Amino acid sequence: DGICLLVMEGDEESVAALMKEQKPWKNIKGELELPSGQLVLVDSAMEHAKTNNKSTLKLAPGNYAVDEYDEDGERSLWIVRLTPLAKS
């Protein structure tokens, strides 16, 4: 359906449980514009991160809503969800 999940922290069991339970996500205001459909992820949050450590995701060109799910419990879980917006 065009939705992209970026699992920043967590394991597959935690992600599967989240999707099954349909817990609420936090909407990040604004839109992510990807006219080329390419999203480059760079590992720059860690001290001494290498700038050449990157991945390119190929998505459908367009605008995306961005939501986040962040849970610190027995298992830490942090996911970013990109959902394509209808073209106007």
PDB file of N, CA and C in Angstrom:
ATOM      1  N   ASP A   1       0.818  -1.222   0.000  1.00  0.00           N
ATOM      2  CA  ASP A   1       0.000   0.000   0.000  1.00  0.00           C
ATOM      3  C   ASP A   1       0.846   1.264   0.000  1.00  0.00           C
ATOM      4  N   GLY A   2       2.157   1.123  -0.167  1.00  0.00           N
ATOM      5  CA  GLY A   2       3.033   2.281  -0.267  1.00  0.00           C
ATOM      6  C   GLY A   2       3.575   2.791   1.046  1.00  0.00           C
ATOM      7  N   ILE A   3       3.148   2.222   2.182  1.00  0.00           N
ATOM      8  CA  ILE A   3       3.648   2.665   3.477  1.00  0.00           C
ATOM      9  C   ILE A   3       5.048   2.098   3.694  1.00  0.00           C
ATOM     10  N   CYS A   4       5.916   2.933   4.240  1.00  0.00           N
ATOM     11  CA  CYS A   4       7.289   2.525   4.532  1.00  0.00           C
ATOM     12  C   CYS A   4       7.506   2.631   6.032  1.00  0.00           C
ATOM     13  N   LEU A   5       7.981   1.546   6.654  1.00  0.00           N
ATOM     14  CA  LEU A   5       8.321   1.557   8.074  1.00  0.00           C
ATOM     15  C   LEU A   5       9.834   1.560   8.217  1.00  0.00           C
ATOM     16  N   LEU A   6      10.338   2.525   8.954  1.00  0.00           N
ATOM     17  CA  LEU A   6      11.762   2.596   9.243  1.00  0.00           C
ATOM     18  C   LEU A   6      11.928   2.220  10.717  1.00  0.00           C
ATOM     19  N   VAL A   7      12.409   1.029  10.968  1.00  0.00           N
ATOM     20  CA  VAL A   7      12.584   0.570  12.344  1.00  0.00           C
ATOM     21  C   VAL A   7      13.939   1.088  12.827  1.00  0.00           C
ATOM     22  N   MET A   8      13.881   2.091  13.675  1.00  0.00           N
ATOM     23  CA  MET A   8      15.097   2.707  14.178  1.00  0.00           C
ATOM     24  C   MET A   8      15.668   1.890  15.331  1.00  0.00           C
ATOM     25  N   GLU A   9      14.769   1.327  16.141  1.00  0.00           N
ATOM     26  CA  GLU A   9      15.179   0.499  17.264  1.00  0.00           C
ATOM     27  C   GLU A   9      14.060  -0.478  17.566  1.00  0.00           C
ATOM     28  N   GLY A  10      14.388  -1.733  17.750  1.00  0.00           N
ATOM     29  CA  GLY A  10      13.389  -2.740  18.081  1.00  0.00           C
ATOM     30  C   GLY A  10      13.631  -4.016  17.295  1.00  0.00           C
ATOM     31  N   ASP A  11      12.911  -5.056  17.674  1.00  0.00           N
ATOM     32  CA  ASP A  11      13.055  -6.327  16.983  1.00  0.00           C
ATOM     33  C   ASP A  11      11.757  -6.677  16.255  1.00  0.00           C
ATOM     34  N   GLU A  12      11.819  -7.713  15.430  1.00  0.00           N
ATOM     35  CA  GLU A  12      10.661  -8.046  14.596  1.00  0.00           C
ATOM     36  C   GLU A  12       9.443  -8.438  15.417  1.00  0.00           C
ATOM     37  N   GLU A  13       9.630  -9.064  16.577  1.00  0.00           N
ATOM     38  CA  GLU A  13       8.491  -9.430  17.416  1.00  0.00           C
ATOM     39  C   GLU A  13       7.773  -8.194  17.944  1.00  0.00           C
ATOM     40  N   SER A  14       8.531  -7.186  18.369  1.00  0.00           N
ATOM     41  CA  SER A  14       7.935  -5.947  18.870  1.00  0.00           C
ATOM     42  C   SER A  14       7.199  -5.202  17.773  1.00  0.00           C
ATOM     43  N   VAL A  15       7.775  -5.174  16.581  1.00  0.00           N
ATOM     44  CA  VAL A  15       7.133  -4.505  15.444  1.00  0.00           C
ATOM     45  C   VAL A  15       5.834  -5.225  15.088  1.00  0.00           C
ATOM     46  N   ALA A  16       5.861  -6.549  15.027  1.00  0.00           N
ATOM     47  CA  ALA A  16       4.663  -7.330  14.702  1.00  0.00           C
ATOM     48  C   ALA A  16       3.573  -7.105  15.745  1.00  0.00           C
ATOM     49  N   ALA A  17       3.944  -7.057  17.020  1.00  0.00           N
ATOM     50  CA  ALA A  17       2.963  -6.816  18.080  1.00  0.00           C
ATOM     51  C   ALA A  17       2.340  -5.431  17.945  1.00  0.00           C
ATOM     52  N   LEU A  18       3.154  -4.440  17.631  1.00  0.00           N
ATOM     53  CA  LEU A  18       2.641  -3.085  17.444  1.00  0.00           C
ATOM     54  C   LEU A  18       1.623  -3.046  16.305  1.00  0.00           C
ATOM     55  N   MET A  19       1.930  -3.673  15.186  1.00  0.00           N
ATOM     56  CA  MET A  19       1.040  -3.649  14.032  1.00  0.00           C
ATOM     57  C   MET A  19      -0.274  -4.388  14.353  1.00  0.00           C
ATOM     58  N   LYS A  20      -0.187  -5.453  15.123  1.00  0.00           N
ATOM     59  CA  LYS A  20      -1.377  -6.228  15.483  1.00  0.00           C
ATOM     60  C   LYS A  20      -2.263  -5.457  16.466  1.00  0.00           C
ATOM     61  N   GLU A  21      -1.644  -4.792  17.443  1.00  0.00           N
ATOM     62  CA  GLU A  21      -2.381  -4.075  18.483  1.00  0.00           C
ATOM     63  C   GLU A  21      -2.942  -2.744  18.005  1.00  0.00           C
ATOM     64  N   GLN A  22      -2.435  -2.219  16.926  1.00  0.00           N
ATOM     65  CA  GLN A  22      -2.884  -0.945  16.354  1.00  0.00           C
ATOM     66  C   GLN A  22      -2.858   0.184  17.390  1.00  0.00           C
ATOM     67  N   LYS A  23      -1.733   0.316  18.074  1.00  0.00           N
ATOM     68  CA  LYS A  23      -1.570   1.398  19.046  1.00  0.00           C
ATOM     69  C   LYS A  23      -1.453   2.730  18.302  1.00  0.00           C
ATOM     70  N   PRO A  24      -1.751   3.842  18.992  1.00  0.00           N
ATOM     71  CA  PRO A  24      -1.704   5.156  18.329  1.00  0.00           C
ATOM     72  C   PRO A  24      -0.277   5.606  18.014  1.00  0.00           C
ATOM     73  N   TRP A  25      -0.157   6.278  16.884  1.00  0.00           N
ATOM     74  CA  TRP A  25       1.105   6.849  16.440  1.00  0.00           C
ATOM     75  C   TRP A  25       1.066   8.351  16.669  1.00  0.00           C
ATOM     76  N   LYS A  26       2.227   8.981  16.822  1.00  0.00           N
ATOM     77  CA  LYS A  26       2.334  10.432  16.951  1.00  0.00           C
ATOM     78  C   LYS A  26       2.620  11.009  15.566  1.00  0.00           C
ATOM     79  N   ASN A  27       1.756  11.919  15.127  1.00  0.00           N
ATOM     80  CA  ASN A  27       1.950  12.549  13.822  1.00  0.00           C
ATOM     81  C   ASN A  27       3.000  13.643  13.933  1.00  0.00           C
ATOM     82  N   ILE A  28       3.954  13.636  13.018  1.00  0.00           N
ATOM     83  CA  ILE A  28       4.947  14.701  12.927  1.00  0.00           C
ATOM     84  C   ILE A  28       4.373  15.728  11.951  1.00  0.00           C
ATOM     85  N   LYS A  29       4.212  16.957  12.398  1.00  0.00           N
ATOM     86  CA  LYS A  29       3.568  17.982  11.568  1.00  0.00           C
ATOM     87  C   LYS A  29       4.374  18.260  10.313  1.00  0.00           C
ATOM     88  N   GLY A  30       3.651  18.533   9.243  1.00  0.00           N
ATOM     89  CA  GLY A  30       4.281  18.816   7.967  1.00  0.00           C
ATOM     90  C   GLY A  30       4.274  17.587   7.080  1.00  0.00           C
ATOM     91  N   GLU A  31       4.929  17.705   5.965  1.00  0.00           N
ATOM     92  CA  GLU A  31       5.004  16.617   4.990  1.00  0.00           C
ATOM     93  C   GLU A  31       6.452  16.425   4.561  1.00  0.00           C
ATOM     94  N   LEU A  32       6.761  15.212   4.160  1.00  0.00           N
ATOM     95  CA  LEU A  32       8.061  14.915   3.574  1.00  0.00           C
ATOM     96  C   LEU A  32       7.865  14.877   2.065  1.00  0.00           C
ATOM     97  N   GLU A  33       8.547  15.773   1.360  1.00  0.00           N
ATOM     98  CA  GLU A  33       8.435  15.829  -0.100  1.00  0.00           C
ATOM     99  C   GLU A  33       9.573  15.023  -0.716  1.00  0.00           C
ATOM    100  N   LEU A  34       9.209  14.049  -1.555  1.00  0.00           N
ATOM    101  CA  LEU A  34      10.203  13.233  -2.260  1.00  0.00           C
ATOM    102  C   LEU A  34       9.912  13.270  -3.756  1.00  0.00           C
ATOM    103  N   PRO A  35      10.239  14.373  -4.429  1.00  0.00           N
ATOM    104  CA  PRO A  35       9.937  14.454  -5.856  1.00  0.00           C
ATOM    105  C   PRO A  35      10.666  13.395  -6.675  1.00  0.00           C
ATOM    106  N   SER A  36      11.858  12.976  -6.206  1.00  0.00           N
ATOM    107  CA  SER A  36      12.625  11.961  -6.938  1.00  0.00           C
ATOM    108  C   SER A  36      12.254  10.548  -6.491  1.00  0.00           C
ATOM    109  N   GLY A  37      11.593  10.440  -5.343  1.00  0.00           N
ATOM    110  CA  GLY A  37      11.272   9.130  -4.799  1.00  0.00           C
ATOM    111  C   GLY A  37      12.432   8.480  -4.070  1.00  0.00           C
ATOM    112  N   GLN A  38      13.526   9.204  -3.906  1.00  0.00           N
ATOM    113  CA  GLN A  38      14.689   8.643  -3.222  1.00  0.00           C
ATOM    114  C   GLN A  38      14.871   9.313  -1.861  1.00  0.00           C
ATOM    115  N   LEU A  39      15.014   8.478  -0.842  1.00  0.00           N
ATOM    116  CA  LEU A  39      15.245   8.960   0.514  1.00  0.00           C
ATOM    117  C   LEU A  39      16.596   8.403   0.959  1.00  0.00           C
ATOM    118  N   VAL A  40      17.506   9.293   1.294  1.00  0.00           N
ATOM    119  CA  VAL A  40      18.847   8.874   1.711  1.00  0.00           C
ATOM    120  C   VAL A  40      18.901   8.922   3.234  1.00  0.00           C
ATOM    121  N   LEU A  41      19.244   7.783   3.836  1.00  0.00           N
ATOM    122  CA  LEU A  41      19.407   7.676   5.285  1.00  0.00           C
ATOM    123  C   LEU A  41      20.891   7.653   5.588  1.00  0.00           C
ATOM    124  N   VAL A  42      21.309   8.530   6.522  1.00  0.00           N
ATOM    125  CA  VAL A  42      22.718   8.627   6.875  1.00  0.00           C
ATOM    126  C   VAL A  42      22.858   8.402   8.370  1.00  0.00           C
ATOM    127  N   ASP A  43      23.774   7.566   8.763  1.00  0.00           N
ATOM    128  CA  ASP A  43      24.036   7.304  10.174  1.00  0.00           C
ATOM    129  C   ASP A  43      24.930   8.413  10.710  1.00  0.00           C
ATOM    130  N   SER A  44      24.308   9.485  11.185  1.00  0.00           N
ATOM    131  CA  SER A  44      25.100  10.605  11.678  1.00  0.00           C
ATOM    132  C   SER A  44      24.764  10.955  13.120  1.00  0.00           C
ATOM    133  N   ALA A  45      23.902  10.182  13.753  1.00  0.00           N
ATOM    134  CA  ALA A  45      23.500  10.491  15.119  1.00  0.00           C
ATOM    135  C   ALA A  45      24.528  10.038  16.145  1.00  0.00           C
ATOM    136  N   MET A  46      25.341   9.089  15.800  1.00  0.00           N
ATOM    137  CA  MET A  46      26.312   8.554  16.740  1.00  0.00           C
ATOM    138  C   MET A  46      27.637   9.311  16.621  1.00  0.00           C
ATOM    139  N   GLU A  47      28.285   9.481  17.747  1.00  0.00           N
ATOM    140  CA  GLU A  47      29.591  10.132  17.762  1.00  0.00           C
ATOM    141  C   GLU A  47      30.559   9.345  16.884  1.00  0.00           C
ATOM    142  N   HIS A  48      31.324  10.037  16.080  1.00  0.00           N
ATOM    143  CA  HIS A  48      32.308   9.446  15.162  1.00  0.00           C
ATOM    144  C   HIS A  48      31.658   8.600  14.063  1.00  0.00           C
ATOM    145  N   ALA A  49      30.392   8.901  13.722  1.00  0.00           N
ATOM    146  CA  ALA A  49      29.725   8.146  12.650  1.00  0.00           C
ATOM    147  C   ALA A  49      30.426   8.431  11.329  1.00  0.00           C
ATOM    148  N   LYS A  50      30.434   7.448  10.473  1.00  0.00           N
ATOM    149  CA  LYS A  50      31.058   7.599   9.165  1.00  0.00           C
ATOM    150  C   LYS A  50      30.020   8.174   8.207  1.00  0.00           C
ATOM    151  N   THR A  51      30.386   9.235   7.500  1.00  0.00           N
ATOM    152  CA  THR A  51      29.437   9.880   6.597  1.00  0.00           C
ATOM    153  C   THR A  51      29.156   9.044   5.365  1.00  0.00           C
ATOM    154  N   ASN A  52      29.992   8.052   5.074  1.00  0.00           N
ATOM    155  CA  ASN A  52      29.740   7.218   3.904  1.00  0.00           C
ATOM    156  C   ASN A  52      28.856   6.018   4.256  1.00  0.00           C
ATOM    157  N   ASN A  53      28.412   5.946   5.512  1.00  0.00           N
ATOM    158  CA  ASN A  53      27.525   4.876   5.953  1.00  0.00           C
ATOM    159  C   ASN A  53      26.086   5.328   5.690  1.00  0.00           C
ATOM    160  N   LYS A  54      25.598   5.077   4.465  1.00  0.00           N
ATOM    161  CA  LYS A  54      24.269   5.547   4.105  1.00  0.00           C
ATOM    162  C   LYS A  54      23.542   4.491   3.285  1.00  0.00           C
ATOM    163  N   SER A  55      22.236   4.617   3.276  1.00  0.00           N
ATOM    164  CA  SER A  55      21.371   3.745   2.475  1.00  0.00           C
ATOM    165  C   SER A  55      20.394   4.623   1.717  1.00  0.00           C
ATOM    166  N   THR A  56      20.044   4.213   0.509  1.00  0.00           N
ATOM    167  CA  THR A  56      19.062   4.946  -0.281  1.00  0.00           C
ATOM    168  C   THR A  56      17.828   4.077  -0.461  1.00  0.00           C
ATOM    169  N   LEU A  57      16.692   4.605  -0.037  1.00  0.00           N
ATOM    170  CA  LEU A  57      15.416   3.921  -0.222  1.00  0.00           C
ATOM    171  C   LEU A  57      14.745   4.485  -1.455  1.00  0.00           C
ATOM    172  N   LYS A  58      14.185   3.622  -2.268  1.00  0.00           N
ATOM    173  CA  LYS A  58      13.461   4.067  -3.456  1.00  0.00           C
ATOM    174  C   LYS A  58      11.977   3.888  -3.191  1.00  0.00           C
ATOM    175  N   LEU A  59      11.283   5.014  -3.100  1.00  0.00           N
ATOM    176  CA  LEU A  59       9.846   5.046  -2.862  1.00  0.00           C
ATOM    177  C   LEU A  59       9.168   5.699  -4.059  1.00  0.00           C
ATOM    178  N   ALA A  60       7.856   5.643  -4.109  1.00  0.00           N
ATOM    179  CA  ALA A  60       7.126   6.336  -5.168  1.00  0.00           C
ATOM    180  C   ALA A  60       7.313   7.841  -4.971  1.00  0.00           C
ATOM    181  N   PRO A  61       7.591   8.583  -6.043  1.00  0.00           N
ATOM    182  CA  PRO A  61       7.706  10.034  -5.902  1.00  0.00           C
ATOM    183  C   PRO A  61       6.405  10.625  -5.371  1.00  0.00           C
ATOM    184  N   GLY A  62       6.531  11.665  -4.545  1.00  0.00           N
ATOM    185  CA  GLY A  62       5.349  12.335  -4.002  1.00  0.00           C
ATOM    186  C   GLY A  62       5.584  12.841  -2.597  1.00  0.00           C
ATOM    187  N   ASN A  63       4.486  13.155  -1.916  1.00  0.00           N
ATOM    188  CA  ASN A  63       4.536  13.673  -0.556  1.00  0.00           C
ATOM    189  C   ASN A  63       4.076  12.594   0.419  1.00  0.00           C
ATOM    190  N   TYR A  64       4.686  12.607   1.599  1.00  0.00           N
ATOM    191  CA  TYR A  64       4.413  11.589   2.603  1.00  0.00           C
ATOM    192  C   TYR A  64       4.094  12.229   3.951  1.00  0.00           C
ATOM    193  N   ALA A  65       3.115  11.670   4.650  1.00  0.00           N
ATOM    194  CA  ALA A  65       2.877  12.013   6.050  1.00  0.00           C
ATOM    195  C   ALA A  65       3.896  11.229   6.867  1.00  0.00           C
ATOM    196  N   VAL A  66       4.361  11.828   7.962  1.00  0.00           N
ATOM    197  CA  VAL A  66       5.370  11.172   8.799  1.00  0.00           C
ATOM    198  C   VAL A  66       4.788  10.990  10.198  1.00  0.00           C
ATOM    199  N   ASP A  67       4.799   9.748  10.669  1.00  0.00           N
ATOM    200  CA  ASP A  67       4.334   9.411  12.015  1.00  0.00           C
ATOM    201  C   ASP A  67       5.446   8.680  12.746  1.00  0.00           C
ATOM    202  N   GLU A  68       5.383   8.744  14.072  1.00  0.00           N
ATOM    203  CA  GLU A  68       6.406   8.112  14.886  1.00  0.00           C
ATOM    204  C   GLU A  68       5.742   7.300  15.987  1.00  0.00           C
ATOM    205  N   TYR A  69       6.326   6.150  16.296  1.00  0.00           N
ATOM    206  CA  TYR A  69       5.917   5.382  17.466  1.00  0.00           C
ATOM    207  C   TYR A  69       7.173   5.157  18.291  1.00  0.00           C
ATOM    208  N   ASP A  70       7.112   5.584  19.547  1.00  0.00           N
ATOM    209  CA  ASP A  70       8.277   5.502  20.425  1.00  0.00           C
ATOM    210  C   ASP A  70       7.823   4.919  21.756  1.00  0.00           C
ATOM    211  N   GLU A  71       8.376   3.790  22.128  1.00  0.00           N
ATOM    212  CA  GLU A  71       7.974   3.126  23.370  1.00  0.00           C
ATOM    213  C   GLU A  71       9.211   2.658  24.109  1.00  0.00           C
ATOM    214  N   ASP A  72       9.303   3.064  25.350  1.00  0.00           N
ATOM    215  CA  ASP A  72      10.379   2.581  26.210  1.00  0.00           C
ATOM    216  C   ASP A  72       9.729   1.712  27.274  1.00  0.00           C
ATOM    217  N   GLY A  73       9.796   0.442  27.078  1.00  0.00           N
ATOM    218  CA  GLY A  73       9.239  -0.494  28.038  1.00  0.00           C
ATOM    219  C   GLY A  73      10.224  -1.616  28.224  1.00  0.00           C
ATOM    220  N   GLU A  74       9.682  -2.814  28.365  1.00  0.00           N
ATOM    221  CA  GLU A  74      10.543  -3.980  28.494  1.00  0.00           C
ATOM    222  C   GLU A  74      11.414  -4.124  27.247  1.00  0.00           C
ATOM    223  N   ARG A  75      10.804  -3.831  26.096  1.00  0.00           N
ATOM    224  CA  ARG A  75      11.549  -3.817  24.837  1.00  0.00           C
ATOM    225  C   ARG A  75      11.451  -2.409  24.265  1.00  0.00           C
ATOM    226  N   SER A  76      12.554  -1.798  23.988  1.00  0.00           N
ATOM    227  CA  SER A  76      12.536  -0.463  23.409  1.00  0.00           C
ATOM    228  C   SER A  76      12.143  -0.554  21.943  1.00  0.00           C
ATOM    229  N   LEU A  77      11.251   0.336  21.525  1.00  0.00           N
ATOM    230  CA  LEU A  77      10.746   0.315  20.160  1.00  0.00           C
ATOM    231  C   LEU A  77      10.620   1.743  19.644  1.00  0.00           C
ATOM    232  N   TRP A  78      11.221   2.002  18.481  1.00  0.00           N
ATOM    233  CA  TRP A  78      11.132   3.325  17.847  1.00  0.00           C
ATOM    234  C   TRP A  78      11.004   3.088  16.355  1.00  0.00           C
ATOM    235  N   ILE A  79       9.885   3.538  15.801  1.00  0.00           N
ATOM    236  CA  ILE A  79       9.598   3.336  14.381  1.00  0.00           C
ATOM    237  C   ILE A  79       9.106   4.636  13.774  1.00  0.00           C
ATOM    238  N   VAL A  80       9.527   4.902  12.556  1.00  0.00           N
ATOM    239  CA  VAL A  80       9.025   6.033  11.779  1.00  0.00           C
ATOM    240  C   VAL A  80       8.236   5.447  10.613  1.00  0.00           C
ATOM    241  N   ARG A  81       7.027   5.982  10.396  1.00  0.00           N
ATOM    242  CA  ARG A  81       6.143   5.487   9.321  1.00  0.00           C
ATOM    243  C   ARG A  81       5.939   6.603   8.303  1.00  0.00           C
ATOM    244  N   LEU A  82       6.174   6.282   7.048  1.00  0.00           N
ATOM    245  CA  LEU A  82       5.933   7.203   5.937  1.00  0.00           C
ATOM    246  C   LEU A  82       4.723   6.700   5.166  1.00  0.00           C
ATOM    247  N   THR A  83       3.692   7.534   5.077  1.00  0.00           N
ATOM    248  CA  THR A  83       2.460   7.161   4.382  1.00  0.00           C
ATOM    249  C   THR A  83       2.237   8.109   3.216  1.00  0.00           C
ATOM    250  N   PRO A  84       2.105   7.580   1.991  1.00  0.00           N
ATOM    251  CA  PRO A  84       1.907   8.454   0.835  1.00  0.00           C
ATOM    252  C   PRO A  84       0.609   9.243   0.973  1.00  0.00           C
ATOM    253  N   LEU A  85       0.674  10.518   0.619  1.00  0.00           N
ATOM    254  CA  LEU A  85      -0.514  11.382   0.624  1.00  0.00           C
ATOM    255  C   LEU A  85      -1.136  11.386  -0.768  1.00  0.00           C
ATOM    256  N   ALA A  86      -2.450  11.477  -0.791  1.00  0.00           N
ATOM    257  CA  ALA A  86      -3.158  11.522  -2.067  1.00  0.00           C
ATOM    258  C   ALA A  86      -2.742  12.768  -2.841  1.00  0.00           C
ATOM    259  N   LYS A  87      -2.572  12.593  -4.136  1.00  0.00           N
ATOM    260  CA  LYS A  87      -2.219  13.742  -4.976  1.00  0.00           C
ATOM    261  C   LYS A  87      -3.448  14.602  -5.168  1.00  0.00           C
ATOM    262  N   SER A  88      -3.242  15.929  -5.071  1.00  0.00           N
ATOM    263  CA  SER A  88      -4.382  16.848  -5.220  1.00  0.00           C
ATOM    264  C   SER A  88      -4.475  17.407  -6.614  1.00  0.00           C
TER     265      SER A  88
END
